[in-house]
Amino acid sequence: MFAGTLTIDLLLGDVHSLKGKRSVVRPLVAELRRAFDVAVAETGHLDLHRRSEVAVAVVAADAAHCTDVLDRCERAVAGHPEFQILSTRRQLLSSDDD
């Protein structure tokens, strides 16, 4: 069994308040959950209105499937013009890891 995580640091476009931030980040989180059957949450920069960190997690029987799902999630986020990806971090863990 493998677990993969993807953390995406985002710069938001024309957002001027935390309420405005929620109105663009929440639909992204919902879209990723629905489209890719992954666990997603906003995990960082909670008090900044122009920045967000979104984390995605997936569990699969093989590493290739984890990598494929995380690749598709990253491409989906990159396809949104209201976000600029500043950085991404990935981690892949195996049930055999100590």
PDB file of N, CA and C in Angstrom:
ATOM      1  N   MET A   1       0.849  -1.168   0.000  1.00  0.00           N
ATOM      2  CA  MET A   1       0.000   0.000   0.000  1.00  0.00           C
ATOM      3  C   MET A   1       0.895   1.232   0.000  1.00  0.00           C
ATOM      4  N   PHE A   2       0.456   2.251  -0.722  1.00  0.00           N
ATOM      5  CA  PHE A   2       1.199   3.502  -0.819  1.00  0.00           C
ATOM      6  C   PHE A   2       0.290   4.672  -0.475  1.00  0.00           C
ATOM      7  N   ALA A   3       0.863   5.683   0.145  1.00  0.00           N
ATOM      8  CA  ALA A   3       0.160   6.934   0.423  1.00  0.00           C
ATOM      9  C   ALA A   3       0.993   8.055  -0.175  1.00  0.00           C
ATOM     10  N   GLY A   4       0.352   8.908  -0.928  1.00  0.00           N
ATOM     11  CA  GLY A   4       1.032  10.035  -1.543  1.00  0.00           C
ATOM     12  C   GLY A   4       0.404  11.337  -1.105  1.00  0.00           C
ATOM     13  N   THR A   5       1.249  12.346  -0.908  1.00  0.00           N
ATOM     14  CA  THR A   5       0.747  13.674  -0.564  1.00  0.00           C
ATOM     15  C   THR A   5       1.340  14.703  -1.521  1.00  0.00           C
ATOM     16  N   LEU A   6       0.555  15.715  -1.775  1.00  0.00           N
ATOM     17  CA  LEU A   6       0.965  16.842  -2.605  1.00  0.00           C
ATOM     18  C   LEU A   6       0.552  18.105  -1.857  1.00  0.00           C
ATOM     19  N   THR A   7       1.506  18.980  -1.604  1.00  0.00           N
ATOM     20  CA  THR A   7       1.227  20.256  -0.956  1.00  0.00           C
ATOM     21  C   THR A   7       1.523  21.350  -1.970  1.00  0.00           C
ATOM     22  N   ILE A   8       0.535  22.218  -2.197  1.00  0.00           N
ATOM     23  CA  ILE A   8       0.647  23.264  -3.212  1.00  0.00           C
ATOM     24  C   ILE A   8       0.535  24.619  -2.529  1.00  0.00           C
ATOM     25  N   ASP A   9       1.549  25.450  -2.718  1.00  0.00           N
ATOM     26  CA  ASP A   9       1.549  26.817  -2.193  1.00  0.00           C
ATOM     27  C   ASP A   9       1.037  27.722  -3.302  1.00  0.00           C
ATOM     28  N   LEU A  10      -0.051  28.444  -3.032  1.00  0.00           N
ATOM     29  CA  LEU A  10      -0.726  29.227  -4.066  1.00  0.00           C
ATOM     30  C   LEU A  10      -0.700  30.720  -3.764  1.00  0.00           C
ATOM     31  N   LEU A  11      -0.570  31.500  -4.810  1.00  0.00           N
ATOM     32  CA  LEU A  11      -0.796  32.946  -4.752  1.00  0.00           C
ATOM     33  C   LEU A  11      -2.133  33.174  -5.450  1.00  0.00           C
ATOM     34  N   LEU A  12      -3.029  33.844  -4.747  1.00  0.00           N
ATOM     35  CA  LEU A  12      -4.366  34.067  -5.290  1.00  0.00           C
ATOM     36  C   LEU A  12      -4.392  35.372  -6.063  1.00  0.00           C
ATOM     37  N   GLY A  13      -5.244  35.437  -7.051  1.00  0.00           N
ATOM     38  CA  GLY A  13      -5.356  36.611  -7.908  1.00  0.00           C
ATOM     39  C   GLY A  13      -6.036  37.781  -7.224  1.00  0.00           C
ATOM     40  N   ASP A  14      -7.124  38.238  -7.766  1.00  0.00           N
ATOM     41  CA  ASP A  14      -7.814  39.443  -7.325  1.00  0.00           C
ATOM     42  C   ASP A  14      -8.686  39.154  -6.105  1.00  0.00           C
ATOM     43  N   VAL A  15      -8.032  38.962  -4.953  1.00  0.00           N
ATOM     44  CA  VAL A  15      -8.722  38.665  -3.701  1.00  0.00           C
ATOM     45  C   VAL A  15      -8.326  39.734  -2.695  1.00  0.00           C
ATOM     46  N   HIS A  16      -9.338  40.322  -2.016  1.00  0.00           N
ATOM     47  CA  HIS A  16      -9.056  41.432  -1.108  1.00  0.00           C
ATOM     48  C   HIS A  16      -9.497  41.190   0.326  1.00  0.00           C
ATOM     49  N   SER A  17      -9.969  39.975   0.634  1.00  0.00           N
ATOM     50  CA  SER A  17     -10.416  39.678   1.991  1.00  0.00           C
ATOM     51  C   SER A  17     -10.366  38.167   2.214  1.00  0.00           C
ATOM     52  N   LEU A  18     -10.446  37.770   3.480  1.00  0.00           N
ATOM     53  CA  LEU A  18     -10.499  36.337   3.783  1.00  0.00           C
ATOM     54  C   LEU A  18     -11.780  35.711   3.252  1.00  0.00           C
ATOM     55  N   LYS A  19     -12.864  36.480   3.234  1.00  0.00           N
ATOM     56  CA  LYS A  19     -14.123  35.983   2.668  1.00  0.00           C
ATOM     57  C   LYS A  19     -13.968  35.737   1.163  1.00  0.00           C
ATOM     58  N   GLY A  20     -13.290  36.648   0.473  1.00  0.00           N
ATOM     59  CA  GLY A  20     -13.016  36.466  -0.948  1.00  0.00           C
ATOM     60  C   GLY A  20     -12.123  35.262  -1.200  1.00  0.00           C
ATOM     61  N   LYS A  21     -11.160  35.061  -0.296  1.00  0.00           N
ATOM     62  CA  LYS A  21     -10.271  33.903  -0.406  1.00  0.00           C
ATOM     63  C   LYS A  21     -11.079  32.607  -0.305  1.00  0.00           C
ATOM     64  N   ARG A  22     -11.965  32.537   0.681  1.00  0.00           N
ATOM     65  CA  ARG A  22     -12.792  31.340   0.838  1.00  0.00           C
ATOM     66  C   ARG A  22     -13.626  31.064  -0.408  1.00  0.00           C
ATOM     67  N   SER A  23     -14.069  32.127  -1.064  1.00  0.00           N
ATOM     68  CA  SER A  23     -14.937  31.945  -2.229  1.00  0.00           C
ATOM     69  C   SER A  23     -14.198  31.359  -3.431  1.00  0.00           C
ATOM     70  N   VAL A  24     -12.866  31.390  -3.427  1.00  0.00           N
ATOM     71  CA  VAL A  24     -12.124  30.755  -4.528  1.00  0.00           C
ATOM     72  C   VAL A  24     -11.448  29.452  -4.100  1.00  0.00           C
ATOM     73  N   VAL A  25     -11.057  29.341  -2.836  1.00  0.00           N
ATOM     74  CA  VAL A  25     -10.356  28.134  -2.380  1.00  0.00           C
ATOM     75  C   VAL A  25     -11.330  26.983  -2.122  1.00  0.00           C
ATOM     76  N   ARG A  26     -12.475  27.260  -1.513  1.00  0.00           N
ATOM     77  CA  ARG A  26     -13.433  26.189  -1.213  1.00  0.00           C
ATOM     78  C   ARG A  26     -13.911  25.452  -2.463  1.00  0.00           C
ATOM     79  N   PRO A  27     -14.226  26.147  -3.555  1.00  0.00           N
ATOM     80  CA  PRO A  27     -14.613  25.413  -4.775  1.00  0.00           C
ATOM     81  C   PRO A  27     -13.473  24.559  -5.342  1.00  0.00           C
ATOM     82  N   LEU A  28     -12.235  25.030  -5.201  1.00  0.00           N
ATOM     83  CA  LEU A  28     -11.094  24.240  -5.663  1.00  0.00           C
ATOM     84  C   LEU A  28     -10.983  22.947  -4.860  1.00  0.00           C
ATOM     85  N   VAL A  29     -11.080  23.049  -3.547  1.00  0.00           N
ATOM     86  CA  VAL A  29     -11.008  21.876  -2.677  1.00  0.00           C
ATOM     87  C   VAL A  29     -12.127  20.893  -3.036  1.00  0.00           C
ATOM     88  N   ALA A  30     -13.327  21.397  -3.213  1.00  0.00           N
ATOM     89  CA  ALA A  30     -14.464  20.534  -3.573  1.00  0.00           C
ATOM     90  C   ALA A  30     -14.259  19.870  -4.937  1.00  0.00           C
ATOM     91  N   GLU A  31     -13.739  20.621  -5.894  1.00  0.00           N
ATOM     92  CA  GLU A  31     -13.494  20.079  -7.234  1.00  0.00           C
ATOM     93  C   GLU A  31     -12.493  18.934  -7.193  1.00  0.00           C
ATOM     94  N   LEU A  32     -11.392  19.117  -6.462  1.00  0.00           N
ATOM     95  CA  LEU A  32     -10.373  18.065  -6.384  1.00  0.00           C
ATOM     96  C   LEU A  32     -10.927  16.815  -5.703  1.00  0.00           C
ATOM     97  N   ARG A  33     -11.692  17.000  -4.638  1.00  0.00           N
ATOM     98  CA  ARG A  33     -12.308  15.850  -3.953  1.00  0.00           C
ATOM     99  C   ARG A  33     -13.211  15.071  -4.898  1.00  0.00           C
ATOM    100  N   ARG A  34     -14.064  15.804  -5.584  1.00  0.00           N
ATOM    101  CA  ARG A  34     -15.068  15.188  -6.455  1.00  0.00           C
ATOM    102  C   ARG A  34     -14.429  14.535  -7.678  1.00  0.00           C
ATOM    103  N   ALA A  35     -13.497  15.221  -8.310  1.00  0.00           N
ATOM    104  CA  ALA A  35     -12.941  14.751  -9.580  1.00  0.00           C
ATOM    105  C   ALA A  35     -11.940  13.610  -9.416  1.00  0.00           C
ATOM    106  N   PHE A  36     -11.199  13.609  -8.303  1.00  0.00           N
ATOM    107  CA  PHE A  36     -10.096  12.649  -8.187  1.00  0.00           C
ATOM    108  C   PHE A  36     -10.220  11.700  -6.994  1.00  0.00           C
ATOM    109  N   ASP A  37     -11.294  11.821  -6.220  1.00  0.00           N
ATOM    110  CA  ASP A  37     -11.529  10.945  -5.076  1.00  0.00           C
ATOM    111  C   ASP A  37     -10.325  10.933  -4.130  1.00  0.00           C
ATOM    112  N   VAL A  38      -9.906  12.125  -3.728  1.00  0.00           N
ATOM    113  CA  VAL A  38      -8.767  12.307  -2.829  1.00  0.00           C
ATOM    114  C   VAL A  38      -9.217  13.075  -1.589  1.00  0.00           C
ATOM    115  N   ALA A  39      -8.372  13.062  -0.580  1.00  0.00           N
ATOM    116  CA  ALA A  39      -8.594  13.902   0.594  1.00  0.00           C
ATOM    117  C   ALA A  39      -7.891  15.229   0.342  1.00  0.00           C
ATOM    118  N   VAL A  40      -8.582  16.339   0.586  1.00  0.00           N
ATOM    119  CA  VAL A  40      -8.024  17.670   0.313  1.00  0.00           C
ATOM    120  C   VAL A  40      -8.399  18.614   1.446  1.00  0.00           C
ATOM    121  N   ALA A  41      -7.468  19.504   1.785  1.00  0.00           N
ATOM    122  CA  ALA A  41      -7.759  20.518   2.793  1.00  0.00           C
ATOM    123  C   ALA A  41      -6.866  21.731   2.575  1.00  0.00           C
ATOM    124  N   GLU A  42      -7.360  22.891   2.990  1.00  0.00           N
ATOM    125  CA  GLU A  42      -6.519  24.076   3.038  1.00  0.00           C
ATOM    126  C   GLU A  42      -5.715  23.952   4.327  1.00  0.00           C
ATOM    127  N   THR A  43      -4.397  23.927   4.218  1.00  0.00           N
ATOM    128  CA  THR A  43      -3.548  23.608   5.365  1.00  0.00           C
ATOM    129  C   THR A  43      -2.614  24.725   5.803  1.00  0.00           C
ATOM    130  N   GLY A  44      -2.536  25.795   5.049  1.00  0.00           N
ATOM    131  CA  GLY A  44      -1.593  26.841   5.431  1.00  0.00           C
ATOM    132  C   GLY A  44      -2.005  28.200   4.947  1.00  0.00           C
ATOM    133  N   HIS A  45      -1.329  29.214   5.501  1.00  0.00           N
ATOM    134  CA  HIS A  45      -1.575  30.625   5.170  1.00  0.00           C
ATOM    135  C   HIS A  45      -3.029  30.997   5.435  1.00  0.00           C
ATOM    136  N   LEU A  46      -3.585  30.461   6.516  1.00  0.00           N
ATOM    137  CA  LEU A  46      -5.000  30.656   6.802  1.00  0.00           C
ATOM    138  C   LEU A  46      -5.358  32.099   7.125  1.00  0.00           C
ATOM    139  N   ASP A  47      -4.396  32.876   7.609  1.00  0.00           N
ATOM    140  CA  ASP A  47      -4.684  34.263   7.986  1.00  0.00           C
ATOM    141  C   ASP A  47      -4.290  35.275   6.911  1.00  0.00           C
ATOM    142  N   LEU A  48      -3.792  34.819   5.766  1.00  0.00           N
ATOM    143  CA  LEU A  48      -3.414  35.704   4.659  1.00  0.00           C
ATOM    144  C   LEU A  48      -4.461  35.616   3.559  1.00  0.00           C
ATOM    145  N   HIS A  49      -4.896  36.756   3.049  1.00  0.00           N
ATOM    146  CA  HIS A  49      -5.966  36.709   2.054  1.00  0.00           C
ATOM    147  C   HIS A  49      -5.495  36.467   0.625  1.00  0.00           C
ATOM    148  N   ARG A  50      -4.203  36.621   0.331  1.00  0.00           N
ATOM    149  CA  ARG A  50      -3.732  36.389  -1.044  1.00  0.00           C
ATOM    150  C   ARG A  50      -2.902  35.124  -1.190  1.00  0.00           C
ATOM    151  N   ARG A  51      -2.760  34.364  -0.118  1.00  0.00           N
ATOM    152  CA  ARG A  51      -1.980  33.125  -0.176  1.00  0.00           C
ATOM    153  C   ARG A  51      -2.806  31.980   0.373  1.00  0.00           C
ATOM    154  N   SER A  52      -2.508  30.782  -0.106  1.00  0.00           N
ATOM    155  CA  SER A  52      -3.160  29.587   0.407  1.00  0.00           C
ATOM    156  C   SER A  52      -2.214  28.410   0.212  1.00  0.00           C
ATOM    157  N   GLU A  53      -2.335  27.452   1.085  1.00  0.00           N
ATOM    158  CA  GLU A  53      -1.644  26.178   0.925  1.00  0.00           C
ATOM    159  C   GLU A  53      -2.711  25.102   0.950  1.00  0.00           C
ATOM    160  N   VAL A  54      -2.721  24.269  -0.077  1.00  0.00           N
ATOM    161  CA  VAL A  54      -3.695  23.194  -0.199  1.00  0.00           C
ATOM    162  C   VAL A  54      -2.924  21.879  -0.222  1.00  0.00           C
ATOM    163  N   ALA A  55      -3.382  20.918   0.585  1.00  0.00           N
ATOM    164  CA  ALA A  55      -2.742  19.606   0.631  1.00  0.00           C
ATOM    165  C   ALA A  55      -3.705  18.546   0.117  1.00  0.00           C
ATOM    166  N   VAL A  56      -3.161  17.620  -0.665  1.00  0.00           N
ATOM    167  CA  VAL A  56      -3.918  16.528  -1.266  1.00  0.00           C
ATOM    168  C   VAL A  56      -3.285  15.214  -0.795  1.00  0.00           C
ATOM    169  N   ALA A  57      -4.109  14.244  -0.448  1.00  0.00           N
ATOM    170  CA  ALA A  57      -3.607  12.926  -0.050  1.00  0.00           C
ATOM    171  C   ALA A  57      -4.374  11.839  -0.784  1.00  0.00           C
ATOM    172  N   VAL A  58      -3.642  10.795  -1.172  1.00  0.00           N
ATOM    173  CA  VAL A  58      -4.245   9.665  -1.866  1.00  0.00           C
ATOM    174  C   VAL A  58      -3.589   8.378  -1.360  1.00  0.00           C
ATOM    175  N   VAL A  59      -4.390   7.313  -1.285  1.00  0.00           N
ATOM    176  CA  VAL A  59      -3.895   5.997  -0.905  1.00  0.00           C
ATOM    177  C   VAL A  59      -4.236   5.037  -2.029  1.00  0.00           C
ATOM    178  N   ALA A  60      -3.257   4.215  -2.423  1.00  0.00           N
ATOM    179  CA  ALA A  60      -3.471   3.278  -3.527  1.00  0.00           C
ATOM    180  C   ALA A  60      -2.611   2.037  -3.331  1.00  0.00           C
ATOM    181  N   ALA A  61      -2.899   1.038  -4.111  1.00  0.00           N
ATOM    182  CA  ALA A  61      -2.170  -0.225  -4.023  1.00  0.00           C
ATOM    183  C   ALA A  61      -0.771  -0.124  -4.611  1.00  0.00           C
ATOM    184  N   ASP A  62      -0.567   0.793  -5.554  1.00  0.00           N
ATOM    185  CA  ASP A  62       0.759   0.911  -6.163  1.00  0.00           C
ATOM    186  C   ASP A  62       1.187   2.368  -6.281  1.00  0.00           C
ATOM    187  N   ALA A  63       2.491   2.565  -6.324  1.00  0.00           N
ATOM    188  CA  ALA A  63       3.070   3.905  -6.360  1.00  0.00           C
ATOM    189  C   ALA A  63       2.710   4.644  -7.646  1.00  0.00           C
ATOM    190  N   ALA A  64       2.628   3.928  -8.752  1.00  0.00           N
ATOM    191  CA  ALA A  64       2.322   4.569 -10.031  1.00  0.00           C
ATOM    192  C   ALA A  64       0.949   5.226 -10.007  1.00  0.00           C
ATOM    193  N   HIS A  65      -0.022   4.575  -9.374  1.00  0.00           N
ATOM    194  CA  HIS A  65      -1.363   5.155  -9.303  1.00  0.00           C
ATOM    195  C   HIS A  65      -1.354   6.414  -8.440  1.00  0.00           C
ATOM    196  N   CYS A  66      -0.651   6.379  -7.312  1.00  0.00           N
ATOM    197  CA  CYS A  66      -0.531   7.577  -6.461  1.00  0.00           C
ATOM    198  C   CYS A  66       0.071   8.733  -7.254  1.00  0.00           C
ATOM    199  N   THR A  67       1.150   8.466  -7.947  1.00  0.00           N
ATOM    200  CA  THR A  67       1.831   9.499  -8.721  1.00  0.00           C
ATOM    201  C   THR A  67       0.925  10.054  -9.806  1.00  0.00           C
ATOM    202  N   ASP A  68       0.209   9.179 -10.496  1.00  0.00           N
ATOM    203  CA  ASP A  68      -0.707   9.612 -11.559  1.00  0.00           C
ATOM    204  C   ASP A  68      -1.804  10.524 -11.011  1.00  0.00           C
ATOM    205  N   VAL A  69      -2.410  10.153  -9.898  1.00  0.00           N
ATOM    206  CA  VAL A  69      -3.482  10.964  -9.310  1.00  0.00           C
ATOM    207  C   VAL A  69      -2.938  12.316  -8.872  1.00  0.00           C
ATOM    208  N   LEU A  70      -1.777  12.336  -8.230  1.00  0.00           N
ATOM    209  CA  LEU A  70      -1.200  13.609  -7.787  1.00  0.00           C
ATOM    210  C   LEU A  70      -0.818  14.488  -8.979  1.00  0.00           C
ATOM    211  N   ASP A  71      -0.313  13.892 -10.049  1.00  0.00           N
ATOM    212  CA  ASP A  71      -0.018  14.652 -11.281  1.00  0.00           C
ATOM    213  C   ASP A  71      -1.281  15.305 -11.827  1.00  0.00           C
ATOM    214  N   ARG A  72      -2.371  14.548 -11.881  1.00  0.00           N
ATOM    215  CA  ARG A  72      -3.622  15.086 -12.411  1.00  0.00           C
ATOM    216  C   ARG A  72      -4.178  16.194 -11.512  1.00  0.00           C
ATOM    217  N   CYS A  73      -4.034  16.051 -10.218  1.00  0.00           N
ATOM    218  CA  CYS A  73      -4.472  17.109  -9.293  1.00  0.00           C
ATOM    219  C   CYS A  73      -3.668  18.379  -9.512  1.00  0.00           C
ATOM    220  N   GLU A  74      -2.366  18.241  -9.652  1.00  0.00           N
ATOM    221  CA  GLU A  74      -1.510  19.414  -9.876  1.00  0.00           C
ATOM    222  C   GLU A  74      -1.869  20.108 -11.189  1.00  0.00           C
ATOM    223  N   ARG A  75      -2.111  19.335 -12.237  1.00  0.00           N
ATOM    224  CA  ARG A  75      -2.504  19.930 -13.519  1.00  0.00           C
ATOM    225  C   ARG A  75      -3.848  20.639 -13.409  1.00  0.00           C
ATOM    226  N   ALA A  76      -4.765  20.065 -12.643  1.00  0.00           N
ATOM    227  CA  ALA A  76      -6.083  20.697 -12.467  1.00  0.00           C
ATOM    228  C   ALA A  76      -5.945  22.047 -11.773  1.00  0.00           C
ATOM    229  N   VAL A  77      -5.110  22.125 -10.745  1.00  0.00           N
ATOM    230  CA  VAL A  77      -4.898  23.406 -10.057  1.00  0.00           C
ATOM    231  C   VAL A  77      -4.210  24.393 -10.991  1.00  0.00           C
ATOM    232  N   ALA A  78      -3.226  23.931 -11.738  1.00  0.00           N
ATOM    233  CA  ALA A  78      -2.502  24.808 -12.664  1.00  0.00           C
ATOM    234  C   ALA A  78      -3.421  25.345 -13.763  1.00  0.00           C
ATOM    235  N   GLY A  79      -4.494  24.646 -14.053  1.00  0.00           N
ATOM    236  CA  GLY A  79      -5.429  25.079 -15.084  1.00  0.00           C
ATOM    237  C   GLY A  79      -6.357  26.201 -14.654  1.00  0.00           C
ATOM    238  N   HIS A  80      -6.321  26.574 -13.396  1.00  0.00           N
ATOM    239  CA  HIS A  80      -7.158  27.672 -12.900  1.00  0.00           C
ATOM    240  C   HIS A  80      -6.402  28.992 -13.017  1.00  0.00           C
ATOM    241  N   PRO A  81      -6.922  29.930 -13.798  1.00  0.00           N
ATOM    242  CA  PRO A  81      -6.213  31.207 -13.980  1.00  0.00           C
ATOM    243  C   PRO A  81      -6.213  32.088 -12.729  1.00  0.00           C
ATOM    244  N   GLU A  82      -7.098  31.820 -11.763  1.00  0.00           N
ATOM    245  CA  GLU A  82      -7.150  32.655 -10.563  1.00  0.00           C
ATOM    246  C   GLU A  82      -6.074  32.287  -9.540  1.00  0.00           C
ATOM    247  N   PHE A  83      -5.303  31.223  -9.801  1.00  0.00           N
ATOM    248  CA  PHE A  83      -4.223  30.794  -8.917  1.00  0.00           C
ATOM    249  C   PHE A  83      -2.897  30.805  -9.640  1.00  0.00           C
ATOM    250  N   GLN A  84      -1.843  31.150  -8.900  1.00  0.00           N
ATOM    251  CA  GLN A  84      -0.484  30.987  -9.396  1.00  0.00           C
ATOM    252  C   GLN A  84       0.209  30.030  -8.435  1.00  0.00           C
ATOM    253  N   ILE A  85       0.739  28.934  -8.960  1.00  0.00           N
ATOM    254  CA  ILE A  85       1.440  27.973  -8.113  1.00  0.00           C
ATOM    255  C   ILE A  85       2.832  28.514  -7.821  1.00  0.00           C
ATOM    256  N   LEU A  86       3.125  28.706  -6.538  1.00  0.00           N
ATOM    257  CA  LEU A  86       4.445  29.181  -6.119  1.00  0.00           C
ATOM    258  C   LEU A  86       5.408  28.023  -5.905  1.00  0.00           C
ATOM    259  N   SER A  87       4.906  26.929  -5.331  1.00  0.00           N
ATOM    260  CA  SER A  87       5.747  25.746  -5.126  1.00  0.00           C
ATOM    261  C   SER A  87       4.862  24.535  -4.868  1.00  0.00           C
ATOM    262  N   THR A  88       5.439  23.364  -5.074  1.00  0.00           N
ATOM    263  CA  THR A  88       4.761  22.109  -4.753  1.00  0.00           C
ATOM    264  C   THR A  88       5.753  21.200  -4.032  1.00  0.00           C
ATOM    265  N   ARG A  89       5.220  20.382  -3.152  1.00  0.00           N
ATOM    266  CA  ARG A  89       6.031  19.382  -2.457  1.00  0.00           C
ATOM    267  C   ARG A  89       5.269  18.066  -2.498  1.00  0.00           C
ATOM    268  N   ARG A  90       6.007  16.988  -2.747  1.00  0.00           N
ATOM    269  CA  ARG A  90       5.393  15.653  -2.811  1.00  0.00           C
ATOM    270  C   ARG A  90       6.089  14.718  -1.855  1.00  0.00           C
ATOM    271  N   GLN A  91       5.310  13.760  -1.397  1.00  0.00           N
ATOM    272  CA  GLN A  91       5.867  12.715  -0.560  1.00  0.00           C
ATOM    273  C   GLN A  91       5.124  11.430  -0.899  1.00  0.00           C
ATOM    274  N   LEU A  92       5.864  10.363  -1.028  1.00  0.00           N
ATOM    275  CA  LEU A  92       5.287   9.050  -1.307  1.00  0.00           C
ATOM    276  C   LEU A  92       5.793   8.080  -0.240  1.00  0.00           C
ATOM    277  N   LEU A  93       4.873   7.475   0.484  1.00  0.00           N
ATOM    278  CA  LEU A  93       5.215   6.551   1.547  1.00  0.00           C
ATOM    279  C   LEU A  93       4.685   5.162   1.217  1.00  0.00           C
ATOM    280  N   SER A  94       5.456   4.156   1.567  1.00  0.00           N
ATOM    281  CA  SER A  94       5.046   2.774   1.367  1.00  0.00           C
ATOM    282  C   SER A  94       4.736   2.156   2.717  1.00  0.00           C
ATOM    283  N   SER A  95       3.864   1.190   2.735  1.00  0.00           N
ATOM    284  CA  SER A  95       3.560   0.482   3.990  1.00  0.00           C
ATOM    285  C   SER A  95       4.777  -0.299   4.459  1.00  0.00           C
ATOM    286  N   ASP A  96       5.744  -0.497   3.590  1.00  0.00           N
ATOM    287  CA  ASP A  96       6.991  -1.202   3.953  1.00  0.00           C
ATOM    288  C   ASP A  96       8.013  -0.272   4.588  1.00  0.00           C
ATOM    289  N   ASP A  97       7.787   1.061   4.517  1.00  0.00           N
ATOM    290  CA  ASP A  97       8.727   2.018   5.106  1.00  0.00           C
ATOM    291  C   ASP A  97       8.711   1.901   6.622  1.00  0.00           C
ATOM    292  N   ASP A  98       9.873   2.048   7.204  1.00  0.00           N
ATOM    293  CA  ASP A  98       9.966   2.011   8.678  1.00  0.00           C
ATOM    294  C   ASP A  98       9.972   3.401   9.251  1.00  0.00           C
TER     295      ASP A  98
END
